[in-house]
Protein backbone atom coordinates (compact mmCIF):
# COMPACT_ATOMS: atom_id res chain seq x y z
CA UNK A 1 103.77 89.57 3.84
CA UNK A 2 100.12 89.99 4.70
CA UNK A 3 98.93 93.54 5.55
CA UNK A 4 102.48 94.89 5.86
CA UNK A 5 105.47 96.01 3.80
CA UNK A 6 109.21 96.46 4.45
CA UNK A 7 110.98 99.84 4.78
CA UNK A 8 114.56 100.66 5.64
CA UNK A 9 115.39 103.03 8.52
CA UNK A 10 119.14 103.48 8.71
CA UNK A 11 120.66 99.97 8.42
CA UNK A 12 117.73 98.22 10.03
CA UNK A 13 114.83 96.56 8.34
CA UNK A 14 111.44 97.15 9.94
CA UNK A 15 107.95 95.79 9.27
CA UNK A 16 105.40 98.57 9.01
CA UNK A 17 101.75 97.59 9.48
CA UNK A 18 99.28 98.42 6.68
CA UNK A 19 97.75 101.36 8.58
CA UNK A 20 101.09 103.23 8.50
CA UNK A 21 101.23 103.32 4.65
CA UNK A 22 99.35 106.57 4.24
CA UNK A 23 102.02 108.63 5.98
CA UNK A 24 104.80 109.92 3.73
CA UNK A 25 108.39 109.33 4.81
CA UNK A 26 109.00 112.98 5.66
CA UNK A 27 107.20 112.48 8.95
CA UNK A 28 110.68 111.98 10.36
CA UNK A 29 111.39 115.70 10.41
CA UNK A 30 108.54 116.01 12.95
CA UNK A 31 110.29 113.68 15.44
CA UNK A 32 112.67 115.16 17.95
CA UNK A 33 114.18 112.81 20.61
CA UNK A 34 113.44 113.68 24.21
CA UNK A 35 111.04 116.52 23.50
CA UNK A 36 107.73 114.84 22.64
CA UNK A 37 105.03 113.63 25.03
CA UNK A 38 101.71 111.80 24.48
CA UNK A 39 98.83 112.63 26.84
CA UNK A 40 95.33 111.36 27.58
CA UNK A 41 93.03 113.70 29.50
CA UNK A 42 89.56 112.56 30.65
CA UNK A 43 86.55 114.40 32.06
CA UNK A 44 85.19 113.63 35.49
CA UNK A 45 83.09 110.47 35.36
CA UNK A 46 83.68 110.47 31.60
CA UNK A 47 81.02 113.08 31.20
CA UNK A 48 80.49 113.87 27.50
CA UNK A 49 81.28 117.53 28.08
CA UNK A 50 82.77 118.27 24.65
CA UNK A 51 79.60 117.55 22.76
CA UNK A 52 78.93 121.11 23.82
CA UNK A 53 80.29 123.66 21.31
CA UNK A 54 80.95 126.26 24.02
CA UNK A 55 82.97 123.72 25.99
CA UNK A 56 85.16 123.01 22.96
CA UNK A 57 85.59 126.73 22.41
CA UNK A 58 86.53 127.31 26.05
CA UNK A 59 89.10 124.53 25.98
CA UNK A 60 90.67 125.97 22.86
CA UNK A 61 90.90 129.35 24.50
CA UNK A 62 92.33 127.93 27.74
CA UNK A 63 95.06 126.03 25.88
CA UNK A 64 96.02 129.17 23.92
CA UNK A 65 96.13 131.22 27.14
CA UNK A 66 98.49 128.75 28.79
CA UNK A 67 100.64 128.44 25.64
CA UNK A 68 101.37 132.19 25.86
CA UNK A 69 102.66 131.83 29.43
CA UNK A 70 104.24 128.41 29.18
CA UNK A 71 105.01 127.72 25.47
CA UNK A 72 104.56 124.30 23.91
CA UNK A 73 103.67 123.06 20.46
CA UNK A 74 100.70 120.72 19.79
CA UNK A 75 101.96 118.23 17.22
CA UNK A 76 98.73 116.22 17.03
CA UNK A 77 95.39 116.21 18.90
CA UNK A 78 91.95 114.71 18.84
CA UNK A 79 89.06 115.89 20.99
CA UNK A 80 86.29 113.40 21.70
CA UNK A 81 83.15 113.88 23.81
CA UNK A 82 84.71 112.82 27.09
CA UNK A 83 88.48 112.81 26.58
CA UNK A 84 91.30 114.02 24.38
CA UNK A 85 94.65 112.70 23.19
CA UNK A 86 97.52 114.83 22.06
CA UNK A 87 101.28 115.00 21.50
CA UNK A 88 103.15 118.05 22.71
CA UNK A 89 106.62 119.23 21.92
CA UNK A 90 108.02 121.16 24.88
CA UNK A 91 110.87 123.77 24.73
CA UNK A 92 114.45 122.40 25.09
CA UNK A 93 115.25 121.54 28.67
CA UNK A 94 111.61 121.88 29.77
CA UNK A 95 109.58 118.88 30.89
CA UNK A 96 107.06 120.69 33.11
CA UNK A 97 103.89 119.43 31.43
CA UNK A 98 102.16 119.01 34.81
CA UNK A 99 101.99 122.77 35.41
CA UNK A 100 100.70 123.37 31.91
CA UNK A 101 97.89 120.80 32.27
CA UNK A 102 96.99 122.08 35.76
CA UNK A 103 96.70 125.64 34.30
CA UNK A 104 94.65 124.49 31.36
CA UNK A 105 92.24 122.57 33.57
CA UNK A 106 91.94 125.46 36.00
CA UNK A 107 91.38 128.03 33.29
CA UNK A 108 88.78 125.92 31.54
CA UNK A 109 86.94 125.18 34.79
CA UNK A 110 86.85 128.83 35.74
CA UNK A 111 85.42 129.90 32.37
CA UNK A 112 83.01 126.99 32.14
CA UNK A 113 81.51 127.55 35.62
CA UNK A 114 81.39 131.36 35.18
CA UNK A 115 79.40 130.87 31.98
CA UNK A 116 76.76 128.83 33.81
CA UNK A 117 78.17 125.40 33.11
CA UNK A 118 77.68 122.82 35.85
CA UNK A 119 79.98 120.23 37.29
CA UNK A 120 79.47 116.69 38.58
CA UNK A 121 79.38 115.96 42.28
CA UNK A 122 82.80 115.37 43.94
CA UNK A 123 83.96 114.24 47.36
CA UNK A 124 84.79 116.63 50.16
CA UNK A 125 88.42 115.49 49.98
CA UNK A 126 88.59 116.64 46.37
CA UNK A 127 86.82 119.82 47.25
CA UNK A 128 89.43 120.58 50.01
CA UNK A 129 92.18 120.19 47.38
CA UNK A 130 90.36 122.88 45.33
CA UNK A 131 89.47 120.38 42.58
CA UNK A 132 86.30 120.64 40.48
CA UNK A 133 83.94 118.04 39.17
CA UNK A 134 84.98 118.64 35.60
CA UNK A 135 88.24 116.72 35.05
CA UNK A 136 89.63 113.45 36.27
CA UNK A 137 92.28 114.17 38.86
CA UNK A 138 95.13 112.42 37.00
CA UNK A 139 96.13 112.16 33.40
CA UNK A 140 98.20 109.71 31.37
CA UNK A 141 101.53 110.78 29.94
CA UNK A 142 104.10 108.92 27.88
CA UNK A 143 107.46 110.13 26.54
CA UNK A 144 107.82 109.34 22.86
CA UNK A 145 110.87 107.08 22.67
CA UNK A 146 111.66 106.88 18.94
CA UNK A 147 110.27 107.29 15.45
CA UNK A 148 108.29 104.12 15.52
CA UNK A 149 106.74 105.12 18.85
CA UNK A 150 106.04 108.56 17.43
CA UNK A 151 104.19 107.32 14.36
CA UNK A 152 102.26 104.73 16.37
CA UNK A 153 100.87 107.44 18.64
CA UNK A 154 100.19 109.83 15.82
CA UNK A 155 98.18 107.15 14.08
CA UNK A 156 96.42 106.21 17.31
CA UNK A 157 95.29 109.80 17.84
CA UNK A 158 93.92 110.22 14.33
CA UNK A 159 92.21 106.83 14.31
CA UNK A 160 90.62 107.29 17.71
CA UNK A 161 87.19 108.59 16.63
CA UNK A 162 86.84 105.47 14.49
CA UNK A 163 88.00 103.27 17.38
CA UNK A 164 85.21 104.68 19.51
CA UNK A 165 82.60 104.25 16.81
CA UNK A 166 81.93 107.93 16.36
CA UNK A 167 82.63 107.98 12.63
CA UNK A 168 83.55 105.47 9.92
CA UNK A 169 86.65 107.26 8.70
CA UNK A 170 89.35 109.54 10.30
CA UNK A 171 88.56 112.37 7.82
CA UNK A 172 84.94 112.49 9.04
CA UNK A 173 85.89 113.76 12.49
CA UNK A 174 86.20 117.50 12.67
CA UNK A 175 87.88 117.90 16.02
CA UNK A 176 91.22 116.35 15.02
CA UNK A 177 94.56 117.39 13.63
CA UNK A 178 94.18 114.75 10.92
CA UNK A 179 93.05 117.39 8.48
CA UNK A 180 96.13 119.51 9.07
CA UNK A 181 98.36 116.49 8.59
CA UNK A 182 96.53 115.45 5.47
CA UNK A 183 96.84 118.95 4.04
CA UNK A 184 100.53 118.81 4.68
CA UNK A 185 100.54 115.46 2.82
CA UNK A 186 101.75 113.40 5.76
CA UNK A 187 98.59 111.36 5.18
CA UNK A 188 96.51 110.61 2.14
CA UNK A 189 93.12 112.21 2.64
CA UNK A 190 91.49 108.76 2.44
CA UNK A 191 93.82 107.13 5.02
CA UNK A 192 91.95 104.13 6.49
CA UNK A 193 88.77 105.47 4.85
CA UNK A 194 85.77 103.21 5.22
CA UNK A 195 83.02 105.41 3.82
CA UNK A 196 81.59 102.41 2.01
CA UNK A 197 81.90 100.19 5.07
CA UNK A 198 84.22 97.68 3.33
CA UNK A 199 87.16 97.61 5.74
CA UNK A 200 88.45 94.03 5.99
CA UNK A 201 90.71 94.56 9.00
CA UNK A 202 91.02 97.35 11.60
CA UNK A 203 94.43 98.39 12.98
CA UNK A 204 95.47 97.38 16.46
CA UNK A 205 97.35 99.59 18.86
CA UNK A 206 98.13 97.05 21.58
CA UNK A 207 101.46 98.76 22.47
CA UNK A 208 99.76 102.06 23.36
CA UNK A 209 98.62 102.55 26.93
CA UNK A 210 96.11 105.18 27.79
CA UNK A 211 95.12 104.44 31.40
CA UNK A 212 92.00 102.49 30.58
CA UNK A 213 90.79 104.69 27.69
C-alpha cells in the first residue's frame, strides 16, 4: 500500500498515513475521551504580532496566570506569527474553555497595551463590547472524538509551521511542543524532516477544520 501501513487497534484494522509513522504506539496513554479540545486562535486582521519576542513572552505569562485560576493542561501547542493551535485537557466535568480563553486574551491585551504595544483599529461596536484590536473576536474549537482524531490534530499542530512555509522541517520551529514530544519519544526527532528539500509528498489534513486558517 503506497505511503501507508496497517496497524491493529482493538479488533479493527486501520490504515495509518505515512506521516503518522514517527509517533510511537504509546501515544494512546495521552488520549482521554471527552476531555480534550483543539483550538485555533487568531490575531485581529491576522497581524503578525508574535514575531515580537515580548508578545510571545506576555502570552506565555498570561496563559500561566489563567492556568493557576482555572486549571487546564496544554497537551500540544504551536505559536505562529499571527495564530496559534493547541490541544487542552480540561479537568473532569469542566468544559468551560470560553472563560479561559477570554481571560487569556484579556490578560495579554492588558499587559501588551500597558507595555506600549499598539492595537489595530476596531469598530465602535467592538469597542462598546470592551474588545480590543488585538484578537479576532471568535475562535475555533473542536472536541477530540477518538484516538485517530487525537493523533491527526497532534500531527497537524506540529506540522503547521511547515504547512505555512516558515520552516522546512517541524524540528526547525522553536515555538512548538514538537520538541517536548520528540524528547519523550512520541516522535522521532527527524519526523517529516526535509532539511535536504527532498520530500516527495506532503501530508494532507483535509479532515481538520480551522475556521479558514
